[in-house]
Amino acid sequence: MSVLAVDEGLMPYQPPPGPLTTQALTGPDRLQVSDQAGVLATLTVGCRTVAMRGPTRTFTEQKRPFRDAFNRTVSNGWGTSGGGGNWSNANGTSANYSVSGGHGLINMTAANASRHTSVIDDITDLDARLSWSLDVMPTGNASSLALSFAYTATTSQYRARLSVLTTGTVQLILERESGGSTTTLGALTTVGTGYIVGDIWHIRAQRVGTTLRCRAWKDGTTEPSTWLHEVTDDTLGAGRIGVRGLASTGSTAIPFNFRVHDMELYQGAWADPPIITHNTWVRVLEQPFTAWTPAVEEQIRAWATDTRPDALAYAMMYITGAPAVTHPGLGGAQIAGQSNYGPLSASGVPIEGADFHDYMGLDWTFPNGEYRTADPPELGCMDCSGYTRMVYGYHMGIPMVRTSGINGLTLPRMTKDIGPNGPGVIVAQGTDSPPSLAAMQIGDVPHFDADDTDPVAGQVDHNGIYLGTDQHGAPRFVNSRKTPNGPTFADLGGSSALTGGGLYATSLRLIRRF
């Protein structure tokens, strides 16, 4: 298949004219090519990938919008939101939180009791909606459920709280809980009457800088075009979004359930998103590099002025917010655009198994004759090795196989084969601990023994593509994984930094250069 060319809007890059000089390096064996401006390219013996100097680029990522429709069955908690993060509950017991029948359930067993559950991921600005209903009418006193945000503890959060009174009156309040006290930011205001069991109400809240807004409306009616409460408050910083249920003092409706029908984050911003800036572009030779020849020199000179997508540009075509790109020659199949990791299991966790062609919805015949049909539920999805194969195999042209014909020149299907026997060379390897990162180069493929349930001890089970160092000097890799449900180089579901005490930093075992 041909490589898709996408215009990134970059100005043509013109290196200074003049001769090229070369210098042999070791560890691994490389050839460094320089022009009058400095190092222009680094070629590695036995590898097809080439690190080129080019226009400076910046890569960044923000929180992925998500909708949790609770289409799973979970006990003792709400499990995984399927793209937003894992839910964590506080107050009561784990048995008070469950998911069934298309609802996230919060079971209230005592008056003057609150329950909290929140998505583990701290954000600042946001636009979110919560939809819920009651299974028992309030008696004795009100029942109320809140969309919480900037949540860091049960005693520190903003809340857009909707109360259902014993009369069926529905009221909305905007409040802040911090420092051991609750402050009203937007007064308790009636937004509806005549509530009956099963009525669904929606709460929407926004935070933009120091501006907080909220509104509420009954399902089946039009969402208001204006905000009921809009205030300025800068007390709380970044925090989680979540749900807080309250059975007021004097309530005699217990036991009852709050039924959350869905939670949707339309937009969310991390306080400190990863930002990676450098001038390295990753190109791929037609054959592994062996020696400096006129043909190789001609290719390096051509790449020096080439701003068509490289491996890193293609890697970014599947992260959060990446626009859809279709290929007319493949029947209009989508070949780029924001990707998921996999379809959701019954418990809401993305399932492993989606290859690059599953993402496109295309059956595939590999050069060695292996054939694989696309799995329809995996349309728009790629697991970790499927993502790496999409970038380096489909787009950059390294020949792919599945499980046969693995010969050091082809790109296999599974991480356990790519690591020890994939194309190129191993530049660093550790047995029971992470290897040194000293030889790692942008575009390399780090491999991890990250699954502690893997029955084969020491076998690598996850991979990605090294992207560069972030604004804090931490080396980061981009990879497709379950918790954010797709490609990411951020920290949801585990830090993507290769240094520090995170899962991937400590489970790194092998670095391969294709």
Protein backbone atom coordinates (compact mmCIF):
# COMPACT_ATOMS: atom_id res chain seq x y z
CA MET A 1 0.00 0.00 0.00
CA SER A 2 1.22 3.52 -0.67
CA VAL A 3 1.95 5.96 2.10
CA LEU A 4 -0.73 8.61 2.58
CA ALA A 5 0.71 12.11 2.19
CA VAL A 6 -0.88 14.69 4.45
CA ASP A 7 0.05 18.37 4.20
CA GLU A 8 0.91 19.53 7.73
CA GLY A 9 1.25 23.18 6.73
CA LEU A 10 4.98 23.27 7.48
CA MET A 11 7.32 25.57 5.57
CA PRO A 12 9.83 23.72 3.35
CA TYR A 13 13.04 23.08 5.26
CA GLN A 14 16.28 24.04 3.46
CA PRO A 15 19.53 22.90 5.05
CA PRO A 16 22.67 24.93 4.29
CA PRO A 17 24.21 23.89 0.96
CA GLY A 18 27.54 22.14 0.85
CA PRO A 19 29.12 18.76 1.38
CA LEU A 20 28.01 16.14 3.87
CA THR A 21 30.48 14.60 6.29
CA THR A 22 30.14 11.28 8.11
CA GLN A 23 31.35 9.90 11.41
CA ALA A 24 31.12 6.29 12.62
CA LEU A 25 29.66 5.77 16.11
CA THR A 26 29.21 2.69 18.28
CA GLY A 27 26.69 1.42 20.80
CA PRO A 28 24.93 0.52 18.48
CA ASP A 29 26.92 0.89 15.28
CA ARG A 30 25.76 4.08 13.58
CA LEU A 31 26.76 6.60 10.98
CA GLN A 32 26.28 10.25 11.87
CA VAL A 33 25.83 12.55 8.87
CA SER A 34 26.46 16.29 9.23
CA ASP A 35 26.18 19.41 7.12
CA GLN A 36 27.35 22.95 7.85
CA ALA A 37 24.56 23.40 10.43
CA GLY A 38 25.43 20.28 12.45
CA VAL A 39 24.10 16.73 12.64
CA LEU A 40 21.64 16.12 9.81
CA ALA A 41 20.93 12.38 10.09
CA THR A 42 21.75 9.31 12.13
CA LEU A 43 21.64 5.91 10.44
CA THR A 44 21.96 2.67 12.39
CA VAL A 45 23.56 -0.42 10.90
CA GLY A 46 20.89 -3.10 10.40
CA CYS A 47 18.02 -0.62 10.75
CA ARG A 48 15.68 1.06 8.32
CA THR A 49 14.68 3.98 10.57
CA VAL A 50 16.69 7.19 10.22
CA ALA A 51 16.60 10.12 12.63
CA MET A 52 16.63 13.30 10.51
CA ARG A 53 16.97 16.97 11.43
CA GLY A 54 13.97 18.94 10.21
CA PRO A 55 11.60 21.76 11.14
CA THR A 56 10.92 22.04 14.87
CA ARG A 57 7.58 20.57 15.92
CA THR A 58 5.59 20.51 19.14
CA PHE A 59 3.46 17.54 20.18
CA THR A 60 0.88 17.85 22.95
CA GLU A 61 -2.26 16.10 24.14
CA GLN A 62 -5.36 16.91 26.18
CA LYS A 63 -7.96 14.94 28.08
CA ARG A 64 -10.05 12.73 25.79
CA PRO A 65 -13.79 13.46 25.92
CA PHE A 66 -15.82 10.43 26.95
CA ARG A 67 -19.32 9.24 27.70
CA ASP A 68 -19.95 6.55 30.28
CA ALA A 69 -23.31 4.92 29.46
CA PHE A 70 -22.86 2.20 32.13
CA ASN A 71 -23.44 -0.60 29.61
CA ARG A 72 -21.65 -3.16 31.76
CA THR A 73 -22.11 -5.19 34.93
CA VAL A 74 -19.85 -4.43 37.88
CA SER A 75 -20.16 -4.98 41.63
CA ASN A 76 -18.29 -3.25 44.45
CA GLY A 77 -17.63 -0.10 42.46
CA TRP A 78 -18.31 1.33 39.01
CA GLY A 79 -15.25 -0.14 37.30
CA THR A 80 -13.79 1.57 34.21
CA SER A 81 -15.46 4.40 32.33
CA GLY A 82 -14.25 3.12 28.95
CA GLY A 83 -12.04 6.04 28.01
CA GLY A 84 -12.34 8.49 30.88
CA GLY A 85 -10.53 6.54 33.55
CA ASN A 86 -11.34 4.27 36.50
CA TRP A 87 -14.06 5.13 39.01
CA SER A 88 -13.10 5.36 42.69
CA ASN A 89 -15.67 5.47 45.48
CA ALA A 90 -15.59 6.98 48.95
CA ASN A 91 -17.97 6.82 51.93
CA GLY A 92 -20.19 3.85 52.63
CA THR A 93 -18.95 0.43 51.54
CA SER A 94 -17.88 -0.86 48.14
CA ALA A 95 -21.18 -2.77 47.98
CA ASN A 96 -23.02 0.58 47.90
CA TYR A 97 -21.70 1.15 44.36
CA SER A 98 -22.54 -1.08 41.41
CA VAL A 99 -23.39 -1.04 37.71
CA SER A 100 -26.27 -3.00 36.21
CA GLY A 101 -29.27 -2.54 33.98
CA GLY A 102 -27.61 0.37 32.17
CA HIS A 103 -27.25 2.38 35.38
CA GLY A 104 -24.50 3.34 37.77
CA LEU A 105 -26.19 2.68 41.11
CA ILE A 106 -25.50 4.40 44.42
CA ASN A 107 -27.31 2.64 47.23
CA MET A 108 -28.32 4.88 50.15
CA THR A 109 -28.78 3.03 53.43
CA ALA A 110 -28.85 5.80 56.02
CA ALA A 111 -30.13 9.33 56.47
CA ASN A 112 -27.61 12.17 56.65
CA ALA A 113 -25.23 10.05 54.60
CA SER A 114 -23.33 10.96 51.46
CA ARG A 115 -21.69 8.83 48.82
CA HIS A 116 -18.93 9.93 46.42
CA THR A 117 -17.55 8.31 43.29
CA SER A 118 -15.15 10.03 40.91
CA VAL A 119 -13.10 9.37 37.78
CA ILE A 120 -9.39 9.12 38.56
CA ASP A 121 -7.94 11.91 36.41
CA ASP A 122 -7.34 15.50 37.49
CA ILE A 123 -8.56 18.23 35.13
CA THR A 124 -9.10 21.98 35.34
CA ASP A 125 -11.40 23.47 32.69
CA LEU A 126 -14.31 21.21 31.78
CA ASP A 127 -17.73 20.89 30.23
CA ALA A 128 -19.66 17.90 31.61
CA ARG A 129 -23.17 16.49 31.96
CA LEU A 130 -24.72 14.03 34.42
CA SER A 131 -28.11 12.31 33.92
CA TRP A 132 -29.87 10.54 36.78
CA SER A 133 -33.13 9.41 38.36
CA LEU A 134 -34.53 8.05 41.63
CA ASP A 135 -36.11 4.64 42.23
CA VAL A 136 -37.94 5.81 45.38
CA MET A 137 -39.66 9.14 46.05
CA PRO A 138 -38.11 11.21 48.84
CA THR A 139 -39.95 11.07 52.15
CA GLY A 140 -39.08 12.83 55.36
CA ASN A 141 -36.54 15.04 53.56
CA ALA A 142 -34.93 15.64 50.21
CA SER A 143 -32.73 13.36 48.15
CA SER A 144 -30.05 15.07 46.07
CA LEU A 145 -27.41 14.12 43.57
CA ALA A 146 -24.57 16.36 42.39
CA LEU A 147 -22.18 16.58 39.50
CA SER A 148 -18.93 17.22 41.35
CA PHE A 149 -15.75 18.67 39.86
CA ALA A 150 -12.34 19.87 41.10
CA TYR A 151 -12.77 16.92 43.47
CA THR A 152 -9.71 16.03 45.53
CA ALA A 153 -11.46 14.64 48.61
CA THR A 154 -14.95 14.18 50.01
CA THR A 155 -14.40 17.51 51.75
CA SER A 156 -12.96 19.42 48.78
CA GLN A 157 -14.97 19.91 45.58
CA TYR A 158 -17.38 22.07 43.61
CA ARG A 159 -20.91 20.68 43.21
CA ALA A 160 -23.81 21.40 40.90
CA ARG A 161 -26.39 19.70 43.11
CA LEU A 162 -29.96 18.84 42.13
CA SER A 163 -32.39 18.19 44.99
CA VAL A 164 -35.76 16.46 44.79
CA LEU A 165 -38.02 17.55 47.65
CA THR A 166 -40.76 15.42 49.20
CA THR A 167 -43.27 17.57 47.27
CA GLY A 168 -41.69 16.65 43.93
CA THR A 169 -40.11 20.08 43.54
CA VAL A 170 -36.67 20.00 41.88
CA GLN A 171 -34.07 22.59 42.86
CA LEU A 172 -30.50 23.35 41.70
CA ILE A 173 -27.69 24.80 43.82
CA LEU A 174 -24.04 25.51 43.03
CA GLU A 175 -21.78 25.08 46.03
CA ARG A 176 -18.19 24.65 47.14
CA GLU A 177 -17.00 22.41 49.91
CA SER A 178 -13.55 23.17 51.26
CA GLY A 179 -11.78 23.71 54.54
CA GLY A 180 -14.44 21.79 56.46
CA SER A 181 -17.35 23.98 55.38
CA THR A 182 -19.82 24.32 52.51
CA THR A 183 -20.32 27.66 50.76
CA THR A 184 -23.27 28.46 48.52
CA LEU A 185 -22.08 29.98 45.24
CA GLY A 186 -25.42 29.88 43.42
CA ALA A 187 -28.60 29.92 45.52
CA LEU A 188 -30.97 26.95 45.72
CA THR A 189 -33.41 27.65 42.87
CA THR A 190 -36.50 25.76 41.67
CA VAL A 191 -36.09 24.32 38.18
CA GLY A 192 -39.08 21.96 38.07
CA THR A 193 -42.06 20.45 39.86
CA GLY A 194 -44.02 17.21 39.87
CA TYR A 195 -41.12 14.79 40.05
CA ILE A 196 -42.17 11.13 39.97
CA VAL A 197 -40.06 7.99 40.29
CA GLY A 198 -38.14 7.33 37.08
CA ASP A 199 -38.01 10.92 35.86
CA ILE A 200 -34.57 11.60 34.42
CA TRP A 201 -32.93 14.96 35.05
CA HIS A 202 -29.75 16.33 33.51
CA ILE A 203 -27.14 18.52 35.19
CA ARG A 204 -24.56 20.35 33.12
CA ALA A 205 -21.56 22.19 34.55
CA GLN A 206 -18.73 24.15 33.02
CA ARG A 207 -15.51 25.50 34.42
CA VAL A 208 -13.53 27.98 32.32
CA GLY A 209 -10.68 29.52 34.26
CA THR A 210 -12.28 30.94 37.39
CA THR A 211 -15.80 30.98 35.91
CA LEU A 212 -18.19 28.26 37.12
CA ARG A 213 -21.58 27.63 35.47
CA CYS A 214 -24.40 25.13 35.82
CA ARG A 215 -27.95 24.43 34.65
CA ALA A 216 -30.45 21.55 34.84
CA TRP A 217 -33.42 20.31 32.84
CA LYS A 218 -35.84 17.39 32.69
CA ASP A 219 -35.29 14.71 30.10
CA GLY A 220 -37.54 15.24 27.10
CA THR A 221 -37.38 19.01 27.37
CA THR A 222 -34.96 21.34 25.62
CA GLU A 223 -31.69 22.11 27.36
CA PRO A 224 -31.77 25.75 28.52
CA SER A 225 -29.71 28.14 26.43
CA THR A 226 -28.61 30.16 29.46
CA TRP A 227 -26.93 29.24 32.71
CA LEU A 228 -28.95 29.29 35.92
CA HIS A 229 -25.85 29.98 37.99
CA GLU A 230 -22.66 31.66 36.75
CA VAL A 231 -20.08 32.77 39.32
CA THR A 232 -16.39 33.46 39.71
CA ASP A 233 -14.39 31.41 42.19
CA ASP A 234 -10.71 30.45 42.26
CA THR A 235 -10.57 28.55 45.53
CA LEU A 236 -10.02 25.04 44.17
CA GLY A 237 -7.47 23.80 41.66
CA ALA A 238 -7.45 20.75 39.42
CA GLY A 239 -9.40 17.68 40.45
CA ARG A 240 -11.63 14.84 39.37
CA ILE A 241 -15.17 14.89 38.05
CA GLY A 242 -17.67 12.66 39.78
CA VAL A 243 -20.99 12.08 41.45
CA ARG A 244 -22.08 12.81 45.00
CA GLY A 245 -25.33 11.43 46.43
CA LEU A 246 -26.97 12.66 49.64
CA ALA A 247 -29.88 11.42 51.72
CA SER A 248 -30.68 14.47 53.85
CA THR A 249 -31.11 14.39 57.62
CA GLY A 250 -34.60 13.12 58.39
CA SER A 251 -34.97 11.12 55.18
CA THR A 252 -37.26 8.11 55.61
CA ALA A 253 -36.99 6.92 52.01
CA ILE A 254 -34.03 4.68 52.76
CA PRO A 255 -32.98 2.32 51.43
CA PHE A 256 -33.10 3.66 47.87
CA ASN A 257 -30.88 4.02 44.82
CA PHE A 258 -29.64 6.95 42.82
CA ARG A 259 -29.57 5.73 39.23
CA VAL A 260 -26.98 7.44 37.05
CA HIS A 261 -27.92 6.93 33.41
CA ASP A 262 -24.80 8.45 31.92
CA MET A 263 -21.92 10.82 32.52
CA GLU A 264 -20.43 12.74 29.62
CA LEU A 265 -17.32 14.88 29.51
CA TYR A 266 -17.58 17.07 26.42
CA GLN A 267 -14.24 18.74 27.11
CA GLY A 268 -11.59 18.59 29.78
CA ALA A 269 -8.15 20.16 30.21
CA TRP A 270 -5.21 18.85 32.19
CA ALA A 271 -3.40 21.41 34.33
CA ASP A 272 -0.03 20.24 33.01
CA PRO A 273 -0.45 18.36 29.72
CA PRO A 274 2.62 16.73 28.15
CA ILE A 275 4.44 19.00 25.69
CA ILE A 276 7.28 17.65 23.55
CA THR A 277 9.27 19.95 21.26
CA HIS A 278 12.19 18.98 19.03
CA ASN A 279 13.40 18.95 15.42
CA THR A 280 13.81 15.19 14.92
CA TRP A 281 11.91 13.50 12.09
CA VAL A 282 11.89 9.71 11.67
CA ARG A 283 12.15 8.34 8.13
CA VAL A 284 12.38 4.75 6.88
CA LEU A 285 14.83 3.40 4.27
CA GLU A 286 13.73 0.81 1.71
CA GLN A 287 16.33 -1.62 3.08
CA PRO A 288 18.29 -1.87 6.37
CA PHE A 289 21.34 0.40 6.36
CA THR A 290 24.68 -1.28 5.74
CA ALA A 291 27.01 1.34 4.24
CA TRP A 292 27.19 4.96 3.06
CA THR A 293 26.59 4.84 -0.67
CA PRO A 294 25.66 7.43 -3.31
CA ALA A 295 22.08 6.12 -3.25
CA VAL A 296 21.84 6.53 0.55
CA GLU A 297 23.36 10.02 0.32
CA GLU A 298 20.81 10.97 -2.33
CA GLN A 299 18.00 9.77 -0.05
CA ILE A 300 19.32 11.74 2.94
CA ARG A 301 19.59 14.91 0.85
CA ALA A 302 16.02 14.42 -0.39
CA TRP A 303 14.70 13.91 3.14
CA ALA A 304 16.48 17.06 4.31
CA THR A 305 13.88 19.15 2.45
CA ASP A 306 10.93 16.76 2.87
CA THR A 307 8.03 17.78 5.15
CA ARG A 308 5.65 15.00 4.22
CA PRO A 309 4.47 13.00 7.24
CA ASP A 310 7.09 10.92 9.00
CA ALA A 311 6.61 8.17 11.61
CA LEU A 312 5.91 10.68 14.40
CA ALA A 313 3.37 12.59 12.31
CA TYR A 314 1.53 9.36 11.57
CA ALA A 315 1.64 8.40 15.25
CA MET A 316 -0.14 11.66 16.09
CA MET A 317 -2.90 10.89 13.57
CA TYR A 318 -4.57 8.52 16.06
CA ILE A 319 -4.43 10.37 19.38
CA THR A 320 -7.21 12.40 20.99
CA GLY A 321 -8.88 14.81 18.60
CA ALA A 322 -7.13 13.56 15.45
CA PRO A 323 -9.42 14.15 12.44
CA ALA A 324 -10.73 11.28 10.35
CA VAL A 325 -8.93 10.57 7.05
CA THR A 326 -10.37 8.18 4.47
CA HIS A 327 -8.71 6.48 1.49
CA PRO A 328 -10.67 6.49 -1.80
CA GLY A 329 -8.51 3.66 -3.11
CA LEU A 330 -9.61 1.44 -0.23
CA GLY A 331 -13.30 1.95 -0.74
CA GLY A 332 -13.42 5.00 1.48
CA ALA A 333 -12.05 3.13 4.52
CA GLN A 334 -10.88 5.34 7.37
CA ILE A 335 -7.10 5.04 7.65
CA ALA A 336 -6.43 7.77 10.24
CA GLY A 337 -8.28 9.58 12.99
CA GLN A 338 -8.74 9.24 16.76
CA SER A 339 -8.50 5.54 17.63
CA ASN A 340 -9.87 3.42 20.45
CA TYR A 341 -7.94 0.51 21.97
CA GLY A 342 -10.67 -2.07 21.52
CA PRO A 343 -14.36 -2.86 22.01
CA LEU A 344 -15.56 -2.97 25.60
CA SER A 345 -15.97 -6.19 27.55
CA ALA A 346 -19.02 -6.92 29.70
CA SER A 347 -17.23 -5.23 32.59
CA GLY A 348 -16.46 -2.12 30.52
CA VAL A 349 -12.72 -2.77 29.95
CA PRO A 350 -11.40 -2.43 26.37
CA ILE A 351 -10.53 -5.80 24.86
CA GLU A 352 -7.10 -6.55 23.36
CA GLY A 353 -6.83 -7.85 19.81
CA ALA A 354 -7.39 -5.05 17.27
CA ASP A 355 -4.76 -4.88 14.52
CA PHE A 356 -4.20 -2.01 12.09
CA HIS A 357 -6.53 -3.48 9.45
CA ASP A 358 -9.27 -4.03 12.05
CA TYR A 359 -9.14 -0.27 12.61
CA MET A 360 -9.79 0.22 8.88
CA GLY A 361 -12.41 -2.53 8.72
CA LEU A 362 -10.49 -4.35 5.97
CA ASP A 363 -9.58 -8.00 5.54
CA TRP A 364 -5.84 -8.29 4.91
CA THR A 365 -3.50 -10.58 3.01
CA PHE A 366 0.11 -10.29 4.17
CA PRO A 367 3.13 -10.64 1.83
CA ASN A 368 3.87 -14.15 3.13
CA GLY A 369 0.34 -15.30 2.29
CA GLU A 370 -1.15 -15.09 5.79
CA TYR A 371 -4.75 -13.89 5.65
CA ARG A 372 -6.82 -12.27 8.36
CA THR A 373 -10.40 -11.05 8.29
CA ALA A 374 -11.31 -7.82 10.03
CA ASP A 375 -13.29 -8.15 13.24
CA PRO A 376 -16.29 -5.76 12.94
CA PRO A 377 -16.42 -4.84 16.69
CA GLU A 378 -12.78 -3.69 16.39
CA LEU A 379 -13.50 -1.09 13.71
CA GLY A 380 -11.71 2.12 14.72
CA CYS A 381 -9.59 0.28 17.30
CA MET A 382 -5.93 -0.72 17.68
CA ASP A 383 -4.15 -2.41 20.55
CA CYS A 384 -0.52 -1.55 21.33
CA SER A 385 1.15 -3.63 18.62
CA GLY A 386 -1.66 -2.88 16.15
CA TYR A 387 -0.90 0.82 16.61
CA THR A 388 2.86 0.33 16.13
CA ARG A 389 2.14 -1.73 13.01
CA MET A 390 -0.17 0.97 11.66
CA VAL A 391 2.60 3.55 11.94
CA TYR A 392 5.66 1.55 10.91
CA GLY A 393 4.01 -1.12 8.81
CA TYR A 394 1.07 0.35 6.94
CA HIS A 395 2.26 3.96 6.68
CA MET A 396 6.06 3.64 6.69
CA GLY A 397 6.29 0.45 4.66
CA ILE A 398 8.06 -2.10 6.87
CA PRO A 399 6.72 -5.49 5.70
CA MET A 400 4.33 -7.11 8.15
CA VAL A 401 3.49 -10.72 9.00
CA ARG A 402 1.35 -12.24 11.69
CA THR A 403 2.94 -15.29 13.30
CA SER A 404 4.98 -16.90 10.50
CA GLY A 405 7.87 -15.52 8.46
CA ILE A 406 9.39 -13.75 11.49
CA ASN A 407 12.96 -13.24 10.29
CA GLY A 408 14.34 -10.00 11.71
CA LEU A 409 13.18 -8.04 8.66
CA THR A 410 9.41 -8.30 9.12
CA LEU A 411 7.12 -6.73 11.71
CA PRO A 412 5.18 -9.46 13.57
CA ARG A 413 1.69 -9.14 15.04
CA MET A 414 2.46 -9.68 18.73
CA THR A 415 4.64 -7.71 21.12
CA LYS A 416 6.26 -10.88 22.43
CA ASP A 417 7.62 -11.47 18.91
CA ILE A 418 8.35 -7.87 17.95
CA GLY A 419 10.61 -7.32 20.95
CA PRO A 420 13.11 -10.17 20.57
CA ASN A 421 12.69 -10.91 16.85
CA GLY A 422 11.31 -7.84 15.11
CA PRO A 423 12.99 -5.74 12.42
CA GLY A 424 16.19 -3.84 13.12
CA VAL A 425 18.35 -4.19 16.22
CA ILE A 426 17.99 -4.24 19.99
CA VAL A 427 19.67 -1.12 21.35
CA ALA A 428 19.14 -1.87 25.06
CA GLN A 429 17.80 -4.78 27.08
CA GLY A 430 17.31 -5.71 30.72
CA THR A 431 16.27 -9.01 32.30
CA ASP A 432 14.66 -8.14 35.60
CA SER A 433 15.08 -4.36 35.58
CA PRO A 434 14.92 -1.48 33.08
CA PRO A 435 17.89 -1.08 30.74
CA SER A 436 19.78 2.17 30.31
CA LEU A 437 18.08 4.79 28.15
CA ALA A 438 21.41 6.24 27.00
CA ALA A 439 21.27 4.69 23.52
CA MET A 440 17.56 5.35 22.94
CA GLN A 441 16.69 7.48 19.93
CA ILE A 442 13.44 9.20 18.97
CA GLY A 443 11.36 6.72 16.97
CA ASP A 444 12.66 3.64 18.84
CA VAL A 445 10.13 1.07 20.08
CA PRO A 446 10.29 0.41 23.85
CA HIS A 447 8.89 -2.91 25.10
CA PHE A 448 7.54 -3.65 28.56
CA ASP A 449 6.78 -6.57 30.83
CA ALA A 450 3.83 -4.66 32.27
CA ASP A 451 1.25 -7.43 32.81
CA ASP A 452 1.88 -9.10 36.15
CA THR A 453 -0.72 -11.78 35.29
CA ASP A 454 1.27 -12.97 32.26
CA PRO A 455 2.05 -16.66 32.82
CA VAL A 456 5.37 -16.36 30.96
CA ALA A 457 7.83 -14.66 33.28
CA GLY A 458 9.89 -11.94 31.64
CA GLN A 459 7.93 -11.95 28.38
CA VAL A 460 7.30 -8.49 26.96
CA ASP A 461 3.60 -7.68 26.53
CA HIS A 462 3.33 -3.98 25.66
CA ASN A 463 5.08 -1.56 23.30
CA GLY A 464 4.95 1.95 21.89
CA ILE A 465 7.03 4.57 20.06
CA TYR A 466 9.52 6.86 21.81
CA LEU A 467 8.45 10.43 21.11
CA GLY A 468 11.03 12.58 22.95
CA THR A 469 11.45 14.46 26.23
CA ASP A 470 8.67 16.62 27.61
CA GLN A 471 8.76 20.12 29.13
CA HIS A 472 10.02 18.61 32.41
CA GLY A 473 12.79 16.59 30.80
CA ALA A 474 10.99 13.26 31.09
CA PRO A 475 11.31 10.86 28.12
CA ARG A 476 7.83 9.90 26.88
CA PHE A 477 6.49 7.23 24.57
CA VAL A 478 3.20 7.17 22.68
CA ASN A 479 1.25 3.93 22.97
CA SER A 480 -2.26 2.50 22.69
CA ARG A 481 -3.57 1.21 26.00
CA LYS A 482 -6.77 0.28 27.80
CA THR A 483 -7.54 2.96 30.39
CA PRO A 484 -7.65 5.95 28.03
CA ASN A 485 -8.99 3.53 25.39
CA GLY A 486 -6.55 4.41 22.67
CA PRO A 487 -3.21 5.99 21.76
CA THR A 488 -1.75 8.42 24.28
CA PHE A 489 1.52 9.85 25.55
CA ALA A 490 -0.12 11.28 28.67
CA ASP A 491 -0.55 9.71 32.09
CA LEU A 492 -4.12 8.40 32.31
CA GLY A 493 -3.83 4.75 33.31
CA GLY A 494 -0.14 5.07 34.10
CA SER A 495 2.60 7.60 33.41
CA SER A 496 3.95 7.51 29.86
CA ALA A 497 7.31 8.72 31.16
CA LEU A 498 10.16 6.20 30.89
CA THR A 499 11.80 7.52 34.05
CA GLY A 500 10.45 7.67 37.59
CA GLY A 501 8.47 5.10 39.53
CA GLY A 502 5.53 4.54 37.18
CA LEU A 503 4.44 1.20 35.75
CA TYR A 504 6.09 1.69 32.36
CA ALA A 505 9.32 3.15 33.72
CA THR A 506 9.77 0.17 36.02
CA SER A 507 8.58 -2.52 33.58
CA LEU A 508 10.69 -1.41 30.59
CA ARG A 509 12.75 -4.38 29.42
CA LEU A 510 13.81 -3.86 25.80
CA ILE A 511 14.32 -1.05 23.27
CA ARG A 512 14.28 -1.96 19.58
CA ARG A 513 15.17 0.27 16.65
CA PHE A 514 13.37 -0.69 13.45
